[in-house]
């Protein structure tokens, strides 16, 4: 079959698609390189990591169009898709789940957003009822909440924490009782003990809290509940950058402010994750680190956790993409359950409950048999 000579418009379309293919290739290269570069040194690359799935979709579209045009330049889009493979491996889970075991346990992480319901027609009582039903249904052994505040105006924060613990049947509680309380609370069915005072977590820094959990015959393990600094975008700012009718009119005002907030948050989190890992006590045993990290798998924070020897348990035991941010910014997986090699992930689930602006994540796991009796 002989290919017909393209006319002027055909050549123009191929030229424009080729330019777009090179742009997509460059953007994908920056997105994949993002985890290896500290935002404090070059913050702009972090935006490409944030937009990985959008860049991937852009390259798929360009690939299809070049293919339809029978252009030899389709290799550019193919190269961009090949480069994207490491990002897909960090962002998409292929469902390596295992069967539950009698000795398995569950840990849940949930940013409760100060009990402010995303549905404006519902109040705090509705929010509490949803969470209580969720916890009772899923029956986690350990529940790590972020942004946990007083939900009853007639009760203090410690009283509300105690009330919630009693309602969900998790009598053992730990949270930062110092003035820099950050909303991180750990609820447990089993006795918990604060880590040593000479560690960063022992000093109760704002990025999180950490305890040891004594689950009896099921084993002993450490759990850290983390909340790294957020972008702090308002609803009005999110609406402005996600609404195609408003974005052109708001670039000079809201757009600049949003970029400044993103820049500040990226730089702060790069410091926080380093301090958090340095402040972790030396533990010879199972460790689970969960919470709201406010960063995607294509980020500097994510790679620092991997370099420290932690595994993203969603990739090991989850399925699909499963974004954990429930707001208008799509496909953001920013809540994690990390574990070291002494923890065996069995099943990972994200509950699609509409209450907070985050979705809760749940890991079912077992402990390495050699660590069932002792923990340092």
Protein backbone atom coordinates (compact mmCIF):
# COMPACT_ATOMS: atom_id res chain seq x y z
CA UNK A 1 0.00 0.00 0.00
CA UNK A 2 1.43 3.37 -1.06
CA UNK A 3 1.01 6.24 1.38
CA UNK A 4 -0.47 9.34 -0.20
CA UNK A 5 1.51 12.56 -0.17
CA UNK A 6 0.26 14.87 2.55
CA UNK A 7 -1.16 18.24 1.66
CA UNK A 8 -0.29 21.50 3.38
CA UNK A 9 -2.71 21.04 6.26
CA UNK A 10 -1.63 17.44 6.76
CA UNK A 11 2.01 18.50 7.04
CA UNK A 12 1.05 21.33 9.39
CA UNK A 13 -0.87 18.96 11.67
CA UNK A 14 2.04 16.51 11.78
CA UNK A 15 4.45 19.36 12.53
CA UNK A 16 2.30 20.62 15.41
CA UNK A 17 1.86 17.10 16.79
CA UNK A 18 5.60 16.58 16.60
CA UNK A 19 6.20 19.75 18.59
CA UNK A 20 3.64 18.58 21.15
CA UNK A 21 5.33 15.16 21.27
CA UNK A 22 8.68 16.75 22.12
CA UNK A 23 6.99 18.86 24.80
CA UNK A 24 5.33 15.74 26.23
CA UNK A 25 8.65 13.88 26.17
CA UNK A 26 10.42 16.68 28.03
CA UNK A 27 7.60 16.97 30.58
CA UNK A 28 7.62 13.22 31.22
CA UNK A 29 11.39 13.23 31.64
CA UNK A 30 11.11 15.97 34.26
CA UNK A 31 8.27 14.13 36.01
CA UNK A 32 10.32 10.93 36.30
CA UNK A 33 13.39 12.89 37.45
CA UNK A 34 11.40 14.75 40.13
CA UNK A 35 12.00 12.26 43.02
CA UNK A 36 15.78 12.58 42.61
CA UNK A 37 15.97 16.36 43.00
CA UNK A 38 15.45 18.20 46.27
CA UNK A 39 12.81 20.93 45.75
CA UNK A 40 15.01 23.28 47.77
CA UNK A 41 17.52 23.16 44.93
CA UNK A 42 15.09 23.30 42.00
CA UNK A 43 11.48 23.58 43.12
CA UNK A 44 9.95 23.88 39.66
CA UNK A 45 10.57 20.25 38.81
CA UNK A 46 8.24 19.20 41.65
CA UNK A 47 5.23 20.47 39.68
CA UNK A 48 5.94 17.92 36.94
CA UNK A 49 5.87 15.10 39.50
CA UNK A 50 2.53 16.37 40.77
CA UNK A 51 1.09 16.25 37.24
CA UNK A 52 2.38 12.78 36.29
CA UNK A 53 -0.98 11.29 35.30
CA UNK A 54 -1.97 14.39 33.33
CA UNK A 55 1.37 14.30 31.47
CA UNK A 56 0.92 10.58 30.83
CA UNK A 57 -2.58 11.13 29.40
CA UNK A 58 -1.24 13.95 27.21
CA UNK A 59 1.43 11.64 25.76
CA UNK A 60 -1.10 8.86 25.13
CA UNK A 61 -3.27 11.31 23.20
CA UNK A 62 -0.35 12.58 21.11
CA UNK A 63 0.71 8.97 20.44
CA UNK A 64 -2.78 8.09 19.13
CA UNK A 65 -2.97 11.19 16.92
CA UNK A 66 0.48 10.62 15.41
CA UNK A 67 -0.43 6.99 14.83
CA UNK A 68 -3.61 8.04 13.02
CA UNK A 69 -1.55 10.39 10.88
CA UNK A 70 0.85 7.55 9.98
CA UNK A 71 3.75 9.74 11.05
CA UNK A 72 7.21 8.31 11.60
CA UNK A 73 7.55 10.81 14.45
CA UNK A 74 5.31 8.59 16.59
CA UNK A 75 8.57 7.26 18.07
CA UNK A 76 8.80 10.45 20.15
CA UNK A 77 5.51 9.70 21.92
CA UNK A 78 6.49 6.02 22.26
CA UNK A 79 9.74 7.07 23.96
CA UNK A 80 7.78 9.30 26.37
CA UNK A 81 5.53 6.35 27.27
CA UNK A 82 8.52 4.07 27.79
CA UNK A 83 10.10 6.67 30.07
CA UNK A 84 6.87 6.79 32.07
CA UNK A 85 7.17 3.12 33.17
CA UNK A 86 8.98 3.87 36.49
CA UNK A 87 6.25 6.37 37.33
CA UNK A 88 3.51 3.84 36.56
CA UNK A 89 5.24 1.27 38.75
CA UNK A 90 5.08 3.73 41.67
CA UNK A 91 1.56 4.95 40.97
CA UNK A 92 -0.39 1.91 39.77
CA UNK A 93 -0.79 -1.28 41.80
CA UNK A 94 -1.34 -4.57 40.00
CA UNK A 95 -3.16 -6.39 42.78
CA UNK A 96 -0.63 -8.69 44.44
CA UNK A 97 -2.99 -9.38 47.33
CA UNK A 98 -2.67 -12.39 49.65
CA UNK A 99 -5.21 -14.33 51.66
CA UNK A 100 -5.98 -13.23 55.21
CA UNK A 101 -4.26 -15.11 58.00
CA UNK A 102 -5.50 -15.84 61.55
CA UNK A 103 -2.66 -13.76 63.00
CA UNK A 104 -3.22 -10.81 60.64
CA UNK A 105 -3.90 -7.29 61.91
CA UNK A 106 -5.15 -4.06 60.37
CA UNK A 107 -3.97 -0.47 60.53
CA UNK A 108 -6.05 2.40 59.19
CA UNK A 109 -4.92 5.95 58.42
CA UNK A 110 -7.42 8.77 57.98
CA UNK A 111 -7.10 12.54 57.77
CA UNK A 112 -10.41 13.59 59.31
CA UNK A 113 -10.09 17.25 58.21
CA UNK A 114 -11.04 18.67 61.63
CA UNK A 115 -14.42 16.95 61.17
CA UNK A 116 -15.46 19.45 58.51
CA UNK A 117 -17.74 17.54 56.16
CA UNK A 118 -17.16 18.08 52.43
CA UNK A 119 -20.92 17.98 51.97
CA UNK A 120 -21.99 21.38 53.28
CA UNK A 121 -25.47 20.06 53.98
CA UNK A 122 -24.06 17.69 56.62
CA UNK A 123 -22.71 18.64 60.02
CA UNK A 124 -20.07 17.36 62.45
CA UNK A 125 -22.45 14.84 64.00
CA UNK A 126 -23.01 13.28 60.57
CA UNK A 127 -19.24 13.12 60.10
CA UNK A 128 -18.68 11.40 63.45
CA UNK A 129 -21.44 8.89 62.70
CA UNK A 130 -19.84 8.00 59.35
CA UNK A 131 -16.40 7.51 60.86
CA UNK A 132 -17.71 5.42 63.76
CA UNK A 133 -19.61 3.17 61.34
CA UNK A 134 -16.53 2.86 59.13
CA UNK A 135 -14.25 1.92 62.04
CA UNK A 136 -16.74 -0.61 63.39
CA UNK A 137 -17.18 -2.14 59.94
CA UNK A 138 -13.47 -2.35 59.05
CA UNK A 139 -12.36 -3.13 62.63
CA UNK A 140 -8.76 -1.88 62.46
CA UNK A 141 -6.45 -2.86 65.30
CA UNK A 142 -4.73 0.54 65.09
CA UNK A 143 -6.28 3.76 63.82
CA UNK A 144 -4.07 6.75 62.96
CA UNK A 145 -5.97 10.03 62.58
CA UNK A 146 -4.60 13.32 61.33
CA UNK A 147 -6.24 16.73 61.92
CA UNK A 148 -8.23 15.32 64.83
CA UNK A 149 -9.84 18.23 66.69
CA UNK A 150 -12.51 18.74 69.32
CA UNK A 151 -15.78 17.80 67.61
CA UNK A 152 -18.04 18.81 70.48
CA UNK A 153 -18.02 22.51 71.47
CA UNK A 154 -18.92 21.56 75.03
CA UNK A 155 -15.97 19.18 75.41
CA UNK A 156 -12.23 19.76 75.36
CA UNK A 157 -9.96 18.13 72.79
CA UNK A 158 -8.66 15.46 75.24
CA UNK A 159 -12.23 14.73 76.27
CA UNK A 160 -13.32 14.34 72.63
CA UNK A 161 -10.38 11.99 71.99
CA UNK A 162 -11.38 9.90 75.02
CA UNK A 163 -15.04 9.90 73.93
CA UNK A 164 -14.15 8.73 70.43
CA UNK A 165 -11.87 5.98 71.78
CA UNK A 166 -14.69 4.65 73.93
CA UNK A 167 -17.25 4.77 71.11
CA UNK A 168 -15.08 2.80 68.64
CA UNK A 169 -13.79 0.37 71.26
CA UNK A 170 -10.12 1.31 71.05
CA UNK A 171 -9.17 2.11 74.66
CA UNK A 172 -5.45 2.73 74.17
CA UNK A 173 -4.66 6.22 72.88
CA UNK A 174 -1.59 8.32 72.25
CA UNK A 175 -1.23 11.88 70.98
CA UNK A 176 1.04 14.86 71.43
CA UNK A 177 0.09 16.51 74.70
CA UNK A 178 2.48 19.41 74.29
CA UNK A 179 1.55 22.87 73.01
CA UNK A 180 2.51 21.96 69.43
CA UNK A 181 -0.28 19.38 69.09
CA UNK A 182 -0.64 18.73 65.35
CA UNK A 183 -3.84 16.70 65.28
CA UNK A 184 -2.11 13.30 65.08
CA UNK A 185 -3.82 10.72 67.29
CA UNK A 186 -3.20 6.97 67.50
CA UNK A 187 -6.06 4.74 68.71
CA UNK A 188 -5.37 1.07 69.43
CA UNK A 189 -7.06 -2.10 70.62
CA UNK A 190 -3.76 -3.08 72.22
CA UNK A 191 -1.53 -1.35 74.79
CA UNK A 192 0.73 1.35 73.36
CA UNK A 193 3.88 2.95 74.70
CA UNK A 194 5.58 6.16 73.65
CA UNK A 195 9.01 5.79 72.02
CA UNK A 196 12.18 6.87 73.81
CA UNK A 197 12.58 10.53 74.74
CA UNK A 198 15.96 10.85 73.01
CA UNK A 199 14.41 10.43 69.53
CA UNK A 200 12.71 13.08 67.44
CA UNK A 201 9.38 11.35 67.97
CA UNK A 202 10.11 11.19 71.68
CA UNK A 203 10.26 14.98 71.67
CA UNK A 204 6.79 15.02 70.06
CA UNK A 205 7.63 17.10 67.02
CA UNK A 206 4.71 18.42 65.00
CA UNK A 207 5.25 16.10 62.03
CA UNK A 208 3.96 13.09 63.94
CA UNK A 209 3.88 10.71 66.88
CA UNK A 210 5.19 7.17 67.30
CA UNK A 211 4.39 4.32 69.66
CA UNK A 212 5.11 0.64 70.17
CA UNK A 213 2.06 -1.63 70.06
CA UNK A 214 1.93 -4.83 72.10
CA UNK A 215 -0.51 -7.15 70.34
CA UNK A 216 0.27 -10.12 72.55
CA UNK A 217 0.79 -13.37 70.66
CA UNK A 218 0.29 -11.55 67.36
CA UNK A 219 3.47 -9.59 67.94
CA UNK A 220 5.01 -6.28 68.89
CA UNK A 221 5.53 -3.48 66.40
CA UNK A 222 6.01 0.27 66.07
CA UNK A 223 3.53 2.63 64.44
CA UNK A 224 4.27 6.23 63.42
CA UNK A 225 1.43 8.61 62.56
CA UNK A 226 2.63 11.37 60.20
CA UNK A 227 1.22 14.57 58.79
CA UNK A 228 3.59 16.60 56.62
CA UNK A 229 2.81 20.22 55.76
CA UNK A 230 0.06 20.70 53.19
CA UNK A 231 -0.27 23.10 50.28
CA UNK A 232 -2.93 24.98 52.32
CA UNK A 233 -4.96 25.81 49.23
CA UNK A 234 -8.36 27.34 49.90
CA UNK A 235 -11.53 26.11 48.19
CA UNK A 236 -11.65 29.36 46.23
CA UNK A 237 -8.08 28.81 44.96
CA UNK A 238 -8.80 25.20 43.99
CA UNK A 239 -11.98 26.26 42.19
CA UNK A 240 -10.06 28.96 40.32
CA UNK A 241 -7.36 26.62 39.00
CA UNK A 242 -9.74 23.76 38.15
CA UNK A 243 -12.47 25.87 36.49
CA UNK A 244 -11.67 26.48 32.82
CA UNK A 245 -13.92 29.57 32.77
CA UNK A 246 -12.12 31.23 35.68
CA UNK A 247 -8.50 30.23 35.19
CA UNK A 248 -7.77 32.84 32.48
CA UNK A 249 -9.05 35.66 34.69
CA UNK A 250 -7.20 34.51 37.80
CA UNK A 251 -3.69 33.68 36.56
CA UNK A 252 -2.23 37.04 37.61
CA UNK A 253 -3.69 36.90 41.11
CA UNK A 254 -4.78 33.48 42.35
CA UNK A 255 -2.35 31.66 40.04
CA UNK A 256 0.68 33.43 41.47
CA UNK A 257 -0.51 32.88 45.03
CA UNK A 258 -1.08 29.16 44.40
CA UNK A 259 2.41 28.74 42.92
CA UNK A 260 3.92 30.46 45.96
CA UNK A 261 2.03 28.13 48.31
CA UNK A 262 3.11 25.07 46.36
CA UNK A 263 6.73 26.23 46.35
CA UNK A 264 6.75 26.85 50.10
CA UNK A 265 5.12 23.48 50.88
CA UNK A 266 7.52 21.50 48.68
CA UNK A 267 10.53 23.10 50.34
CA UNK A 268 9.15 22.59 53.86
CA UNK A 269 8.25 18.94 53.25
CA UNK A 270 11.73 18.18 51.92
CA UNK A 271 13.08 19.30 55.32
CA UNK A 272 10.30 17.62 57.31
CA UNK A 273 10.78 14.17 55.81
CA UNK A 274 14.53 14.31 56.50
CA UNK A 275 13.96 15.41 60.13
CA UNK A 276 11.29 12.76 60.56
CA UNK A 277 13.53 9.94 59.32
CA UNK A 278 16.50 11.20 61.34
CA UNK A 279 14.29 11.45 64.44
CA UNK A 280 13.06 7.89 64.18
CA UNK A 281 14.44 5.73 67.02
CA UNK A 282 16.64 2.76 66.08
CA UNK A 283 14.26 -0.19 66.01
CA UNK A 284 15.09 -3.82 65.33
CA UNK A 285 11.60 -4.99 64.46
CA UNK A 286 8.44 -4.27 62.50
CA UNK A 287 7.75 -0.60 61.78
CA UNK A 288 4.70 0.93 60.09
CA UNK A 289 4.71 4.60 59.09
CA UNK A 290 1.38 5.93 57.91
CA UNK A 291 -0.41 9.21 57.44
CA UNK A 292 -0.95 12.19 55.19
CA UNK A 293 2.34 12.94 53.42
CA UNK A 294 0.79 15.50 51.05
CA UNK A 295 3.04 14.31 48.21
CA UNK A 296 2.55 11.96 45.28
CA UNK A 297 4.64 8.90 44.36
CA UNK A 298 6.61 11.06 41.92
CA UNK A 299 8.11 13.23 44.65
CA UNK A 300 11.27 13.79 46.67
CA UNK A 301 9.44 12.80 49.87
CA UNK A 302 8.39 9.45 48.41
CA UNK A 303 11.94 8.57 47.37
CA UNK A 304 13.35 9.51 50.78
CA UNK A 305 10.98 6.99 52.37
CA UNK A 306 12.12 4.34 49.92
CA UNK A 307 15.79 5.13 50.54
CA UNK A 308 15.17 4.71 54.27
CA UNK A 309 14.09 1.12 53.63
CA UNK A 310 10.30 1.52 53.70
CA UNK A 311 7.90 -0.07 51.22
CA UNK A 312 4.77 1.56 49.84
CA UNK A 313 2.33 -1.18 50.87
CA UNK A 314 -0.30 -0.03 48.36
CA UNK A 315 2.01 -1.07 45.51
CA UNK A 316 2.62 -4.42 47.23
CA UNK A 317 -0.96 -5.27 48.18
CA UNK A 318 -3.28 -2.78 46.46
CA UNK A 319 -4.93 -2.52 43.07
CA UNK A 320 -5.35 0.29 40.55
CA UNK A 321 -4.56 3.99 41.11
CA UNK A 322 -6.72 4.68 44.19
CA UNK A 323 -6.31 8.45 44.76
CA UNK A 324 -6.67 9.37 48.42
CA UNK A 325 -7.45 13.07 48.05
CA UNK A 326 -11.19 13.57 47.74
CA UNK A 327 -11.19 17.17 46.53
CA UNK A 328 -11.35 18.62 43.03
CA UNK A 329 -7.70 17.94 42.22
CA UNK A 330 -7.85 14.48 40.59
CA UNK A 331 -5.70 11.36 40.91
CA UNK A 332 -3.71 12.50 43.94
CA UNK A 333 -2.50 9.62 46.11
CA UNK A 334 -0.96 11.42 49.08
CA UNK A 335 -1.91 9.18 52.03
CA UNK A 336 0.30 6.16 52.64
CA UNK A 337 0.98 3.15 54.79
CA UNK A 338 4.72 2.46 54.66
CA UNK A 339 6.33 -0.62 56.22
CA UNK A 340 9.78 -2.09 56.67
CA UNK A 341 10.78 -5.64 55.72
CA UNK A 342 9.53 -7.10 59.00
CA UNK A 343 5.93 -6.39 57.96
CA UNK A 344 4.18 -8.61 55.39
CA UNK A 345 1.39 -6.72 53.54
CA UNK A 346 -1.62 -8.90 52.74
CA UNK A 347 -4.29 -6.54 51.46
CA UNK A 348 -4.54 -2.79 50.95
CA UNK A 349 -7.83 -0.95 50.59
CA UNK A 350 -8.93 2.63 50.15
CA UNK A 351 -12.44 3.29 51.45
CA UNK A 352 -14.41 5.61 49.18
CA UNK A 353 -16.30 7.35 51.99
CA UNK A 354 -17.49 10.91 51.37
CA UNK A 355 -16.82 12.82 54.58
CA UNK A 356 -13.34 14.36 54.80
CA UNK A 357 -11.39 15.77 51.85
CA UNK A 358 -9.26 12.61 52.18
CA UNK A 359 -10.17 8.94 51.90
CA UNK A 360 -9.12 6.48 54.62
CA UNK A 361 -6.61 3.77 53.73
CA UNK A 362 -6.42 0.36 55.38
CA UNK A 363 -3.62 -2.23 55.42
CA UNK A 364 -4.07 -5.81 56.53
CA UNK A 365 -0.73 -7.33 57.46
CA UNK A 366 1.19 -9.92 59.42
CA UNK A 367 4.53 -9.66 61.17
CA UNK A 368 7.71 -11.52 60.39
CA UNK A 369 7.53 -14.70 62.55
CA UNK A 370 11.00 -14.03 63.94
CA UNK A 371 9.75 -10.78 65.49
CA UNK A 372 6.58 -12.00 67.17
CA UNK A 373 7.94 -12.04 70.70
CA UNK A 374 10.31 -9.14 71.15
CA UNK A 375 10.88 -5.60 70.00
CA UNK A 376 13.60 -3.16 71.03
